[in-house]
Each structure stands twice: as structure tokens, then as C-alpha cells.
Amino acid sequence: MDVLDIARWQFGVTTVYHFLMVPLTIGLALLVAVMQTAWYRTGKPQYLKMTKFWGKLMLINFAMGVVTGIVQEFQFGMNWSAYSRFVGDVFGAPLAMEGLLAFFVESTFLGLWIFGWERLSKRVHLACIWAFSLATMASAYFILAANSWMQHPVGIEYVNGKPQLNSIWELLTNSTVLAAFPHTIAGCFAVAGTFLVGIAAWHLARKHRNTPADDPDRKVWFASLRLGGWVGVVAFAALAISGDLQSKLMFEQQPMKMAAAEALCHTEKPAGFSVFAYGDVQRPDCENVKSITVPALLSFLANSDFDSEVKGIDQLVGEYQARYGANYPVDPRLGELSGRPIDYVPNLPVTYWGFRLMIGFGAIAAAGAAFALWVTRRGRVPRSRWFAPAALLAIATPFLANSFGWIFTEMGRQPFVVAPNPTGVDGVWMYTAQAVSAGVTVGEALFSLIALTTVYGVLAVVEVFLLRRFVRAGVEGVMPPPADPPDPSKSDALAFAY
């Protein structure tokens, strides 16, 4: 392995790990705000208990997300300094807005919410959790705006071999981010909804299979399960709609990614959607690949037309070579790749199967949410012994769907770290091989990868331990113990003394 491979592995490991925390925090933040609003409006104790319990899990996850997220920014200087110099005049703006605006608002109002119980008025305290929730989504928007610029550069001019930002409005209203944001937020709510269903189902099965419907704790878990189920169903519907919009943008902006997602090696008109492929998907000629396809569906997904042409990998390679060059520049910083032919084809097994695993795990989670609503209709508590374990296992499915989706998104634009905009400013693109830091040795990069992976592994153990502890404790673990009744003997003695 060379420095480039190690740096990519490090960024992949740390980013995927960090994104396990992000969607749960964003999704739970809004749901906790909704729970507290229900308590504020109705005064029912079950909603206060829900707010306290799910809020505690949100805080644990948020803290771990902050710790793991800090490393992301350091990596730009450690392993990707050439990239930072190239995009710094553009990339810095949305990152600064995320840090100085959204994250500061998050931190401030979360602190007020944590320490404001019984110190702030109920209305002000409720406003704090809503401000925190909205700030987490604003933070996600700015980060996605930066990432979307890497996928589709806009709002820039090309000056002295570097892009310079000339319109922050164009960057923030990039068509790519306008599609990616609702898709990502829907994914966050899918995670949070499934999280609620799994944990609530476990508590219902553990203690409340035969408790009366008016049992206080049973109300907490039953309401949580129903809320999680509805959130999950709505979120997965939103994912399907926003995902369709993203596929159409991908067809226009990154046709090679579209072809790689389908292992479509030859141009087709109309093009069928590959449900399953077997054979050697790694080979870009696809001579040994057989696919089970739905006729003309890919054409419709790409262009809302069942008769549209979708270009295959072999045709796109020729077009890319003609427009962006057949060989890497002769540059000693590129090492073995200097002057070598450019491979414009992404890793086909990763893109093809990553796309399907994203859809597959998302579909499983959606089916689980719908099933949870069905078995709890009319106030029923599922009595099947397998329902709670299955619901707990299902918690992993939207996390996996999110992870595979991001792996597909990032791997699918290779060999570019900044993908060219087909209708944008000419010359604004950057190969991943050009982005890595010069002067970093294999030993240094490998040490960094091992150290960070080890630290993240330890943090994973800590988070799982804390979450498991508070999940098992249930409502009793987050609610203050009831006050002891006054001792009559002590009251009489005090009265006598006076």
C-alpha cells in the first residue's frame, strides 16, 4: 500500500464511523423536541418520561459524535493538504458557517437544555431543544453544501489554477445539495425511528406483555414504539422520493457513477435496471456478467422516460479521456501514477453492491417499521417471542443503509476528489491522487491509521456500554427518585423544640 491508499482508508474509516453518530443525533433531536412539546401542551407524565429517556440517549450519542467529528477537519491538513490548498477558497466558507453559526447554536442551546430543567421556564426550556434540533439540521446542510460542491462545482471562477468562490448563494443552492439534504435528513429520521421501535419493543416484551393499558411505564414504551413506527414509514417514503431526484441529477452530472451503480458496461436504449448480477463484476467489459433486470426501468429512473438512452462505461471512458485527458500529469508528487493512464472506472463491485445494499437494508427497515405499526394497532402489545429480538436487530439496518449509501456516493466519483461539472467552469476538477499530502511517509500514514482506528474502537466500546446501561435502566434510570415522605416523629420533635 502507498500513502494514497492508506490516506483513503483512514478517511473512509473515520468518516463512516462518525456518520454512525450523526443521523441518530439529528433524528432524535427533533423527536425529543416533539416529545417535550407534547408534555408542555398536555402535562401528561408519559411524555416527560419519554423526553428524559430518549434525551439521555441523544446526549450520549451527541457527545461521541463531537469527539469523532473533530478528527475529520484535522485530516485535511494531515493527509490531504494539496486538496486543502486547491479548494480552500471555496470549501472554507460552508465549513466556517457550520462551525461559527450552526455548531455554536447547537452547543449553546443544548447546554441550556441540559442544565435548564427547573431553572428556566417550561416555554424557554422547550425553545432550547427546538433551537438545538434546528441547528443540527442547519449544520448538516452546510456540511452537505461543501460535499455537494465536490460532486458538482458551482459558484466559482478559475483563477491561477485554483477555483475561487464568487457566489456563496450558488454554492448554498447547488442542485446537488438541494437533493442531498432531504435525502440525508430522511435517512436520519429512518435511523431514529427504527431506534425507537427496537428499544421500545424490547422493554414492552421484557416487562409489559401482560400489564394493563394504563400502566405508566407501558404508556411510555407503547407511545415510543408507535411514534418510531410512523416516523420510520414516513422517512422511508421521503427517501424513495428524494432518491429518485438524486438519480436524475446523477444521470446529468456524473454519468460514470450512474453506469457504475448498474455495472452498465455498454450503452443501452432503453436501459434496464439490474436487480441482481452474477459473474465477474470487476471487469469493465462485463463479458462474464449476467444480470436479472427490469426492462426500461433505469431509463425512467435516469430521465423519467422509459425510452431514454443511458451511456455505458465503455462509451463514457472514451468521452472522459477526450475531455479530461488520458494520462495523469507528469508530476513526481504523483509517484507511480505520474504520466500513467487514468482509470476512469470506479470500483465496480463496491459501487454496484453498495447501491443495492443501501436499497436492500433501507427496504428491510421500512418493512420493519410498517410491521411494528401493524402488530401494535388498537393498543395491542405483540406477544410473539421473536418480535423484540427482531426489532433490536433491525436497529442496525438503517445505519447500514446510510453507510453503504455514502460509500457508494464517494467511491462512485473516483478517480476524482472534486468531480468535474459537465456544464461548469472548465478545468475545475481534481484527481484523488493529486490531493494527498506531499512528504507524508507510508510509516507515518500507517501509524495514523492504526492509532485512529484503535481510538475509535475504544470509543465504540464506551458508547455501546453507556447506551446499554441507560437502555437497560429504562425510565427509572433517568427520572429523579421520588421524595421521601416526611417523618412524623421528626416533625413533632421539631415543633416541640420551638
Protein backbone atom coordinates (compact mmCIF):
# COMPACT_ATOMS: atom_id res chain seq x y z
CA MET A 1 0.00 0.00 0.00
CA ASP A 2 1.15 3.54 -0.71
CA VAL A 3 0.34 6.79 1.11
CA LEU A 4 -2.68 7.45 -1.12
CA ASP A 5 -4.30 4.11 -0.30
CA ILE A 6 -3.66 4.47 3.43
CA ALA A 7 -4.97 8.05 3.49
CA ARG A 8 -8.14 6.95 1.69
CA TRP A 9 -8.64 4.07 4.12
CA GLN A 10 -8.18 6.41 7.09
CA PHE A 11 -10.66 8.94 5.79
CA GLY A 12 -13.11 6.18 4.94
CA VAL A 13 -12.88 4.52 8.36
CA THR A 14 -13.20 7.74 10.35
CA THR A 15 -15.95 9.20 8.18
CA VAL A 16 -18.15 6.10 8.15
CA TYR A 17 -17.69 5.74 11.92
CA HIS A 18 -18.54 9.40 12.53
CA PHE A 19 -21.63 9.13 10.37
CA LEU A 20 -22.97 6.39 12.60
CA MET A 21 -23.43 9.10 15.26
CA VAL A 22 -24.70 11.95 13.10
CA PRO A 23 -28.04 10.59 11.82
CA LEU A 24 -29.09 9.30 15.23
CA THR A 25 -28.39 12.67 16.85
CA ILE A 26 -30.23 14.64 14.16
CA GLY A 27 -33.21 12.31 14.18
CA LEU A 28 -33.50 12.00 17.96
CA ALA A 29 -33.11 15.76 18.47
CA LEU A 30 -36.32 16.56 16.63
CA LEU A 31 -38.22 13.63 18.14
CA VAL A 32 -37.19 14.66 21.67
CA ALA A 33 -38.38 18.18 20.87
CA VAL A 34 -41.72 16.74 19.75
CA MET A 35 -41.97 14.67 22.94
CA GLN A 36 -41.25 17.67 25.14
CA THR A 37 -43.78 19.72 23.19
CA ALA A 38 -46.40 17.04 23.87
CA TRP A 39 -45.56 17.20 27.58
CA TYR A 40 -45.70 21.01 27.56
CA ARG A 41 -49.12 21.03 25.89
CA THR A 42 -50.75 18.12 27.75
CA GLY A 43 -48.87 17.82 31.04
CA LYS A 44 -49.01 14.01 30.76
CA PRO A 45 -46.17 12.33 32.69
CA GLN A 46 -45.55 9.75 29.95
CA TYR A 47 -44.28 12.46 27.61
CA LEU A 48 -41.92 13.85 30.25
CA LYS A 49 -40.54 10.35 30.81
CA MET A 50 -40.09 9.88 27.06
CA THR A 51 -38.30 13.22 26.81
CA LYS A 52 -35.92 12.35 29.65
CA PHE A 53 -35.16 8.81 28.47
CA TRP A 54 -34.63 9.44 24.77
CA GLY A 55 -32.92 12.76 25.54
CA LYS A 56 -30.33 10.94 27.66
CA LEU A 57 -29.50 8.57 24.78
CA MET A 58 -29.32 11.54 22.41
CA LEU A 59 -26.80 13.29 24.68
CA ILE A 60 -24.52 10.23 24.85
CA ASN A 61 -24.57 9.91 21.09
CA PHE A 62 -24.07 13.65 20.51
CA ALA A 63 -21.00 13.73 22.76
CA MET A 64 -19.44 10.83 20.87
CA GLY A 65 -20.26 12.49 17.55
CA VAL A 66 -18.44 15.66 18.58
CA VAL A 67 -15.34 13.73 19.62
CA THR A 68 -15.17 11.72 16.40
CA GLY A 69 -16.04 14.70 14.19
CA ILE A 70 -13.09 16.81 15.32
CA VAL A 71 -10.69 14.40 13.62
CA GLN A 72 -12.33 15.00 10.24
CA GLU A 73 -11.06 18.54 9.94
CA PHE A 74 -7.53 17.65 11.08
CA GLN A 75 -7.25 15.13 8.27
CA PHE A 76 -7.50 17.85 5.64
CA GLY A 77 -4.19 19.21 6.88
CA MET A 78 -2.60 15.87 7.78
CA ASN A 79 -3.18 13.71 4.72
CA TRP A 80 -4.92 15.97 2.21
CA SER A 81 -3.05 19.28 2.28
CA ALA A 82 -2.84 19.50 -1.53
CA TYR A 83 -6.61 19.19 -1.65
CA SER A 84 -6.98 21.87 1.03
CA ARG A 85 -4.83 24.31 -0.94
CA PHE A 86 -6.83 23.67 -4.11
CA VAL A 87 -10.35 24.05 -2.65
CA GLY A 88 -9.63 26.22 0.39
CA ASP A 89 -11.02 29.44 -1.12
CA VAL A 90 -14.36 27.66 -1.67
CA PHE A 91 -14.53 24.91 0.92
CA GLY A 92 -13.71 27.18 3.84
CA ALA A 93 -16.92 29.22 3.58
CA PRO A 94 -19.50 26.48 4.27
CA LEU A 95 -17.25 24.86 6.88
CA ALA A 96 -16.87 28.20 8.69
CA MET A 97 -20.64 28.72 8.58
CA GLU A 98 -21.15 25.26 10.04
CA GLY A 99 -18.67 25.86 12.84
CA LEU A 100 -19.33 29.50 13.72
CA LEU A 101 -23.10 29.50 13.24
CA ALA A 102 -24.72 26.09 13.44
CA PHE A 103 -22.40 24.31 15.87
CA PHE A 104 -22.21 27.28 18.24
CA VAL A 105 -26.00 27.43 18.31
CA GLU A 106 -26.14 23.67 18.89
CA SER A 107 -23.70 23.81 21.79
CA THR A 108 -25.23 26.87 23.43
CA PHE A 109 -28.83 25.72 23.40
CA LEU A 110 -28.00 22.12 24.23
CA GLY A 111 -26.17 23.34 27.31
CA LEU A 112 -29.17 25.45 28.28
CA TRP A 113 -31.43 22.46 27.78
CA ILE A 114 -29.25 20.12 29.87
CA PHE A 115 -28.88 22.47 32.83
CA GLY A 116 -32.14 24.38 32.42
CA TRP A 117 -34.50 21.80 33.88
CA GLU A 118 -36.42 23.55 36.69
CA ARG A 119 -34.22 26.64 36.23
CA LEU A 120 -35.81 28.01 33.04
CA SER A 121 -39.49 28.42 32.39
CA LYS A 122 -41.10 25.50 30.57
CA ARG A 123 -41.60 27.58 27.44
CA VAL A 124 -37.99 28.82 27.29
CA HIS A 125 -36.67 25.36 28.06
CA LEU A 126 -38.78 23.90 25.24
CA ALA A 127 -37.47 26.58 22.87
CA CYS A 128 -33.91 25.45 23.70
CA ILE A 129 -34.41 21.88 22.48
CA TRP A 130 -36.11 23.15 19.32
CA ALA A 131 -33.22 25.53 18.66
CA PHE A 132 -30.77 22.68 19.16
CA SER A 133 -32.71 20.42 16.81
CA LEU A 134 -32.95 23.00 14.03
CA ALA A 135 -29.27 23.86 14.45
CA THR A 136 -28.26 20.21 13.95
CA MET A 137 -30.10 20.25 10.62
CA ALA A 138 -28.52 23.57 9.66
CA SER A 139 -25.12 22.08 10.49
CA ALA A 140 -25.90 19.13 8.22
CA TYR A 141 -26.90 21.50 5.42
CA PHE A 142 -23.61 23.39 5.47
CA ILE A 143 -21.58 20.18 5.51
CA LEU A 144 -23.65 18.77 2.65
CA ALA A 145 -23.21 22.03 0.72
CA ALA A 146 -19.43 21.56 0.94
CA ASN A 147 -19.65 17.91 -0.08
CA SER A 148 -22.07 18.70 -2.91
CA TRP A 149 -19.62 21.24 -4.29
CA MET A 150 -17.08 18.41 -4.56
CA GLN A 151 -19.68 16.43 -6.51
CA HIS A 152 -20.83 19.37 -8.67
CA PRO A 153 -18.70 22.57 -8.50
CA VAL A 154 -20.74 25.78 -8.90
CA GLY A 155 -20.47 29.45 -7.91
CA ILE A 156 -16.80 29.76 -8.81
CA GLU A 157 -14.27 31.17 -11.24
CA TYR A 158 -10.95 29.63 -12.17
CA VAL A 159 -8.04 31.92 -11.23
CA ASN A 160 -4.35 30.97 -11.37
CA GLY A 161 -5.10 27.26 -11.44
CA LYS A 162 -7.47 27.33 -8.44
CA PRO A 163 -11.23 27.76 -8.01
CA GLN A 164 -12.31 30.92 -6.23
CA LEU A 165 -15.77 31.44 -4.81
CA ASN A 166 -17.71 34.24 -6.49
CA SER A 167 -21.24 33.37 -5.34
CA ILE A 168 -21.99 31.89 -1.93
CA TRP A 169 -25.66 31.81 -2.94
CA GLU A 170 -24.94 29.48 -5.87
CA LEU A 171 -22.91 27.22 -3.58
CA LEU A 172 -25.69 27.05 -0.98
CA THR A 173 -28.41 26.47 -3.61
CA ASN A 174 -26.46 23.92 -5.63
CA SER A 175 -28.96 21.49 -7.17
CA THR A 176 -26.92 18.64 -5.71
CA VAL A 177 -27.28 19.83 -2.11
CA LEU A 178 -30.97 20.62 -2.60
CA ALA A 179 -31.46 16.94 -3.43
CA ALA A 180 -28.92 15.52 -0.97
CA PHE A 181 -30.22 17.40 2.08
CA PRO A 182 -33.78 15.99 2.20
CA HIS A 183 -32.42 12.53 1.36
CA THR A 184 -29.88 12.70 4.19
CA ILE A 185 -32.36 14.11 6.73
CA ALA A 186 -34.90 11.44 5.80
CA GLY A 187 -32.16 8.89 6.44
CA CYS A 188 -31.60 10.43 9.88
CA PHE A 189 -35.26 10.04 10.79
CA ALA A 190 -35.24 6.47 9.47
CA VAL A 191 -32.41 5.72 11.90
CA ALA A 192 -34.13 7.43 14.83
CA GLY A 193 -37.49 5.81 14.10
CA THR A 194 -36.03 2.31 13.95
CA PHE A 195 -34.03 3.05 17.12
CA LEU A 196 -37.24 3.93 18.98
CA VAL A 197 -39.06 0.85 17.70
CA GLY A 198 -36.28 -1.57 18.65
CA ILE A 199 -35.69 -0.34 22.19
CA ALA A 200 -39.37 0.21 22.97
CA ALA A 201 -40.25 -3.27 21.68
CA TRP A 202 -37.60 -4.79 23.94
CA HIS A 203 -38.96 -3.00 27.01
CA LEU A 204 -42.55 -3.98 26.19
CA ALA A 205 -41.54 -7.62 25.78
CA ARG A 206 -39.41 -7.53 28.91
CA LYS A 207 -41.96 -6.23 31.41
CA HIS A 208 -45.24 -5.24 29.83
CA ARG A 209 -46.69 -8.15 27.87
CA ASN A 210 -49.46 -8.55 30.46
CA THR A 211 -49.55 -5.19 32.22
CA PRO A 212 -52.76 -3.12 31.95
CA ALA A 213 -53.00 -0.44 29.28
CA ASP A 214 -52.97 2.34 31.89
CA ASP A 215 -49.63 1.27 33.40
CA PRO A 216 -47.44 4.43 33.37
CA ASP A 217 -44.29 2.79 32.00
CA ARG A 218 -46.22 0.74 29.45
CA LYS A 219 -47.59 4.01 28.08
CA VAL A 220 -44.04 5.31 27.62
CA TRP A 221 -42.84 2.34 25.60
CA PHE A 222 -46.01 1.87 23.61
CA ALA A 223 -46.11 5.56 22.62
CA SER A 224 -42.40 5.43 21.72
CA LEU A 225 -42.89 2.37 19.54
CA ARG A 226 -45.84 3.89 17.68
CA LEU A 227 -44.01 7.19 17.19
CA GLY A 228 -40.92 5.38 15.89
CA GLY A 229 -43.01 3.28 13.52
CA TRP A 230 -44.77 6.27 11.97
CA VAL A 231 -41.54 8.25 11.72
CA GLY A 232 -39.86 5.29 10.02
CA VAL A 233 -42.63 4.78 7.45
CA VAL A 234 -42.77 8.48 6.53
CA ALA A 235 -38.97 8.72 6.41
CA PHE A 236 -38.63 5.80 4.04
CA ALA A 237 -41.27 7.27 1.73
CA ALA A 238 -39.26 10.52 1.71
CA LEU A 239 -36.09 8.55 0.99
CA ALA A 240 -37.66 6.97 -2.08
CA ILE A 241 -38.84 10.32 -3.46
CA SER A 242 -35.60 12.21 -2.78
CA GLY A 243 -33.54 9.25 -4.01
CA ASP A 244 -35.37 9.36 -7.34
CA LEU A 245 -34.45 13.05 -7.67
CA GLN A 246 -30.83 12.25 -6.87
CA SER A 247 -30.68 9.54 -9.51
CA LYS A 248 -31.82 12.01 -12.16
CA LEU A 249 -29.16 14.51 -11.11
CA MET A 250 -26.55 11.74 -11.13
CA PHE A 251 -27.52 10.90 -14.72
CA GLU A 252 -26.84 14.54 -15.71
CA GLN A 253 -23.85 15.39 -13.51
CA GLN A 254 -21.93 12.12 -13.02
CA PRO A 255 -22.92 9.66 -15.74
CA MET A 256 -20.00 7.35 -14.91
CA LYS A 257 -21.33 6.92 -11.37
CA MET A 258 -24.74 6.01 -12.79
CA ALA A 259 -23.19 3.42 -15.10
CA ALA A 260 -21.05 2.02 -12.27
CA ALA A 261 -24.08 1.72 -10.00
CA GLU A 262 -25.64 -0.60 -12.57
CA ALA A 263 -22.47 -2.25 -13.88
CA LEU A 264 -23.74 -0.96 -17.23
CA CYS A 265 -20.75 -1.55 -19.44
CA HIS A 266 -22.42 -0.91 -22.78
CA THR A 267 -24.79 1.86 -23.81
CA GLU A 268 -28.43 0.81 -23.83
CA LYS A 269 -31.62 2.34 -25.12
CA PRO A 270 -33.84 1.69 -23.27
CA ALA A 271 -31.76 0.60 -20.29
CA GLY A 272 -32.96 -1.98 -17.80
CA PHE A 273 -32.44 -1.75 -14.03
CA SER A 274 -30.23 -4.55 -12.72
CA VAL A 275 -31.83 -6.24 -9.72
CA PHE A 276 -29.05 -8.77 -9.29
CA ALA A 277 -25.86 -9.59 -11.16
CA TYR A 278 -23.54 -12.57 -11.00
CA GLY A 279 -20.17 -13.13 -12.60
CA ASP A 280 -17.02 -11.01 -12.61
CA VAL A 281 -18.42 -7.54 -11.98
CA GLN A 282 -14.86 -6.24 -11.51
CA ARG A 283 -14.16 -6.43 -15.25
CA PRO A 284 -15.30 -3.25 -17.04
CA ASP A 285 -16.06 -5.18 -20.23
CA CYS A 286 -18.75 -7.18 -18.38
CA GLU A 287 -18.19 -10.18 -20.63
CA ASN A 288 -18.79 -12.62 -17.78
CA VAL A 289 -21.62 -10.74 -16.06
CA LYS A 290 -25.23 -11.85 -16.19
CA SER A 291 -27.95 -9.62 -14.76
CA ILE A 292 -31.56 -10.04 -13.78
CA THR A 293 -33.09 -6.76 -14.96
CA VAL A 294 -36.35 -4.87 -15.01
CA PRO A 295 -36.68 -3.66 -18.62
CA ALA A 296 -36.50 0.10 -19.24
CA LEU A 297 -36.62 0.97 -15.53
CA LEU A 298 -33.14 2.51 -15.46
CA SER A 299 -34.09 4.81 -18.34
CA PHE A 300 -37.08 6.01 -16.34
CA LEU A 301 -35.05 6.49 -13.15
CA ALA A 302 -32.43 8.45 -15.10
CA ASN A 303 -34.66 10.69 -17.17
CA SER A 304 -38.35 9.99 -16.40
CA ASP A 305 -38.62 8.42 -19.83
CA PHE A 306 -38.82 4.68 -20.47
CA ASP A 307 -37.07 5.12 -23.82
CA SER A 308 -34.04 7.22 -22.77
CA GLU A 309 -30.51 6.20 -23.65
CA VAL A 310 -28.14 5.55 -20.76
CA LYS A 311 -24.46 5.59 -21.64
CA GLY A 312 -22.34 2.63 -20.67
CA ILE A 313 -18.88 2.54 -19.17
CA ASP A 314 -17.06 1.79 -22.43
CA GLN A 315 -18.50 4.87 -24.17
CA LEU A 316 -18.01 7.12 -21.14
CA VAL A 317 -14.35 6.15 -20.76
CA GLY A 318 -13.68 7.44 -24.26
CA GLU A 319 -15.55 10.67 -23.58
CA TYR A 320 -13.72 11.24 -20.30
CA GLN A 321 -10.34 10.62 -21.92
CA ALA A 322 -11.12 13.10 -24.68
CA ARG A 323 -12.29 15.80 -22.27
CA TYR A 324 -10.15 15.33 -19.16
CA GLY A 325 -7.06 13.58 -20.53
CA ALA A 326 -5.94 10.00 -20.99
CA ASN A 327 -2.92 10.19 -18.64
CA TYR A 328 -2.08 11.72 -15.29
CA PRO A 329 0.18 14.79 -15.43
CA VAL A 330 3.89 14.11 -15.23
CA ASP A 331 4.45 15.12 -11.62
CA PRO A 332 6.83 13.48 -9.14
CA ARG A 333 4.26 14.08 -6.36
CA LEU A 334 2.02 11.51 -8.05
CA GLY A 335 4.61 8.79 -7.52
CA GLU A 336 3.94 5.66 -9.57
CA LEU A 337 0.89 7.27 -11.20
CA SER A 338 2.91 10.09 -12.77
CA GLY A 339 2.27 10.02 -16.52
CA ARG A 340 0.31 6.75 -16.25
CA PRO A 341 -3.10 6.16 -17.90
CA ILE A 342 -6.06 7.30 -15.83
CA ASP A 343 -8.59 4.66 -14.82
CA TYR A 344 -11.92 6.46 -15.01
CA VAL A 345 -13.92 3.41 -13.94
CA PRO A 346 -14.85 3.33 -10.22
CA ASN A 347 -14.52 0.12 -8.24
CA LEU A 348 -17.46 -1.73 -9.79
CA PRO A 349 -18.12 -4.32 -7.04
CA VAL A 350 -18.20 -1.54 -4.42
CA THR A 351 -20.48 0.77 -6.41
CA TYR A 352 -22.78 -1.96 -7.75
CA TRP A 353 -23.27 -3.84 -4.49
CA GLY A 354 -23.09 -0.73 -2.31
CA PHE A 355 -26.04 0.73 -4.20
CA ARG A 356 -28.06 -2.47 -3.76
CA LEU A 357 -27.17 -2.93 -0.12
CA MET A 358 -28.28 0.64 0.54
CA ILE A 359 -31.66 -0.04 -1.04
CA GLY A 360 -31.96 -3.51 0.50
CA PHE A 361 -31.25 -2.54 4.09
CA GLY A 362 -33.49 0.51 3.71
CA ALA A 363 -36.33 -1.69 2.46
CA ILE A 364 -35.89 -4.08 5.40
CA ALA A 365 -36.05 -1.18 7.85
CA ALA A 366 -39.15 0.25 6.13
CA ALA A 367 -40.89 -3.13 6.26
CA GLY A 368 -39.98 -3.46 9.93
CA ALA A 369 -41.48 -0.05 10.78
CA ALA A 370 -44.68 -0.86 8.91
CA PHE A 371 -44.91 -4.26 10.61
CA ALA A 372 -44.43 -2.68 14.04
CA LEU A 373 -47.38 -0.39 13.39
CA TRP A 374 -49.50 -3.32 12.24
CA VAL A 375 -48.85 -5.55 15.26
CA THR A 376 -49.48 -2.69 17.71
CA ARG A 377 -52.73 -1.50 16.13
CA ARG A 378 -55.63 -0.82 18.50
CA GLY A 379 -53.36 -0.78 21.53
CA ARG A 380 -52.09 -4.34 21.20
CA VAL A 381 -48.73 -5.42 22.62
CA PRO A 382 -47.01 -8.12 20.50
CA ARG A 383 -46.81 -11.42 22.36
CA SER A 384 -44.54 -13.19 19.90
CA ARG A 385 -41.16 -14.08 21.40
CA TRP A 386 -39.28 -13.20 18.22
CA PHE A 387 -40.71 -9.70 17.72
CA ALA A 388 -38.49 -7.91 20.28
CA PRO A 389 -35.20 -9.59 19.22
CA ALA A 390 -36.03 -8.91 15.57
CA ALA A 391 -36.81 -5.27 16.35
CA LEU A 392 -33.49 -4.91 18.17
CA LEU A 393 -31.58 -6.43 15.24
CA ALA A 394 -33.46 -4.17 12.83
CA ILE A 395 -31.89 -1.12 14.52
CA ALA A 396 -28.74 -1.87 12.52
CA THR A 397 -30.46 -1.82 9.11
CA PRO A 398 -30.84 1.96 8.53
CA PHE A 399 -27.31 2.52 9.87
CA LEU A 400 -26.04 0.06 7.27
CA ALA A 401 -28.16 1.62 4.54
CA ASN A 402 -26.74 5.07 5.33
CA SER A 403 -23.18 3.76 5.39
CA PHE A 404 -23.44 1.91 2.10
CA GLY A 405 -25.12 4.94 0.54
CA TRP A 406 -22.24 7.22 1.48
CA ILE A 407 -19.64 4.67 0.40
CA PHE A 408 -21.35 4.48 -2.98
CA THR A 409 -21.57 8.28 -3.25
CA GLU A 410 -17.89 8.84 -2.52
CA MET A 411 -16.43 5.81 -4.30
CA GLY A 412 -18.61 6.38 -7.35
CA ARG A 413 -16.92 9.66 -8.29
CA GLN A 414 -13.41 8.20 -8.33
CA PRO A 415 -10.79 8.89 -9.65
CA PHE A 416 -11.91 12.45 -8.84
CA VAL A 417 -11.96 14.02 -5.38
CA VAL A 418 -13.51 17.11 -6.98
CA ALA A 419 -15.66 15.84 -9.82
CA PRO A 420 -15.91 17.97 -12.96
CA ASN A 421 -19.14 19.82 -13.65
CA PRO A 422 -20.13 18.93 -17.25
CA THR A 423 -21.71 22.37 -17.72
CA GLY A 424 -19.50 24.34 -15.32
CA VAL A 425 -16.18 26.14 -15.41
CA ASP A 426 -13.64 24.15 -17.43
CA GLY A 427 -10.58 22.96 -15.55
CA VAL A 428 -12.19 22.77 -12.10
CA TRP A 429 -11.59 19.19 -11.13
CA MET A 430 -9.00 17.33 -9.10
CA TYR A 431 -7.88 13.72 -9.14
CA THR A 432 -7.72 11.98 -5.79
CA ALA A 433 -4.10 11.08 -6.48
CA GLN A 434 -3.25 14.79 -6.68
CA ALA A 435 -4.97 15.63 -3.37
CA VAL A 436 -2.79 13.69 -0.94
CA SER A 437 -0.14 15.50 1.11
CA ALA A 438 3.42 15.54 -0.18
CA GLY A 439 6.12 14.47 2.24
CA VAL A 440 3.99 12.09 4.29
CA THR A 441 5.65 8.69 4.52
CA VAL A 442 3.98 5.30 4.43
CA GLY A 443 5.02 4.70 8.03
CA GLU A 444 3.51 7.98 9.24
CA ALA A 445 0.26 7.40 7.39
CA LEU A 446 0.03 3.80 8.62
CA PHE A 447 0.69 4.84 12.22
CA SER A 448 -2.05 7.46 11.97
CA LEU A 449 -4.50 4.92 10.53
CA ILE A 450 -3.79 2.33 13.23
CA ALA A 451 -3.87 4.89 16.05
CA LEU A 452 -7.15 6.47 14.98
CA THR A 453 -8.80 3.12 14.31
CA THR A 454 -7.76 1.93 17.77
CA VAL A 455 -9.06 5.08 19.46
CA TYR A 456 -12.32 4.87 17.54
CA GLY A 457 -12.65 1.23 18.56
CA VAL A 458 -12.27 2.21 22.22
CA LEU A 459 -14.84 4.98 21.77
CA ALA A 460 -17.24 2.47 20.22
CA VAL A 461 -16.93 0.26 23.31
CA VAL A 462 -17.57 3.27 25.56
CA GLU A 463 -20.66 4.35 23.62
CA VAL A 464 -22.15 0.86 23.49
CA PHE A 465 -21.51 0.45 27.24
CA LEU A 466 -23.22 3.75 28.09
CA LEU A 467 -26.15 3.23 25.75
CA ARG A 468 -26.68 -0.34 27.00
CA ARG A 469 -26.54 0.83 30.61
CA PHE A 470 -29.19 3.51 30.21
CA VAL A 471 -31.37 1.44 27.88
CA ARG A 472 -31.48 -1.39 30.40
CA ALA A 473 -32.20 1.04 33.26
CA GLY A 474 -35.24 2.32 31.39
CA VAL A 475 -37.31 5.22 32.63
CA GLU A 476 -36.19 4.67 36.23
CA GLY A 477 -32.60 5.40 35.23
CA VAL A 478 -33.34 8.96 34.07
CA MET A 479 -36.16 10.14 36.31
CA PRO A 480 -35.36 11.62 39.73
CA PRO A 481 -36.29 9.33 42.63
CA PRO A 482 -39.50 10.25 44.47
CA ALA A 483 -39.03 12.44 47.52
CA ASP A 484 -39.10 10.64 50.85
CA PRO A 485 -42.32 11.27 52.84
CA PRO A 486 -41.84 13.44 55.94
CA ASP A 487 -41.09 11.61 59.18
CA PRO A 488 -43.90 12.45 61.65
CA SER A 489 -41.68 11.82 64.68
CA LYS A 490 -39.09 14.31 63.48
CA SER A 491 -41.79 16.88 62.74
CA ASP A 492 -43.21 16.55 66.28
CA ALA A 493 -39.79 16.86 67.85
CA LEU A 494 -39.04 19.98 65.79
CA ALA A 495 -42.35 21.52 66.81
CA PHE A 496 -41.64 20.74 70.50
CA ALA A 497 -38.19 22.33 70.25
CA TYR A 498 -39.76 25.55 69.03
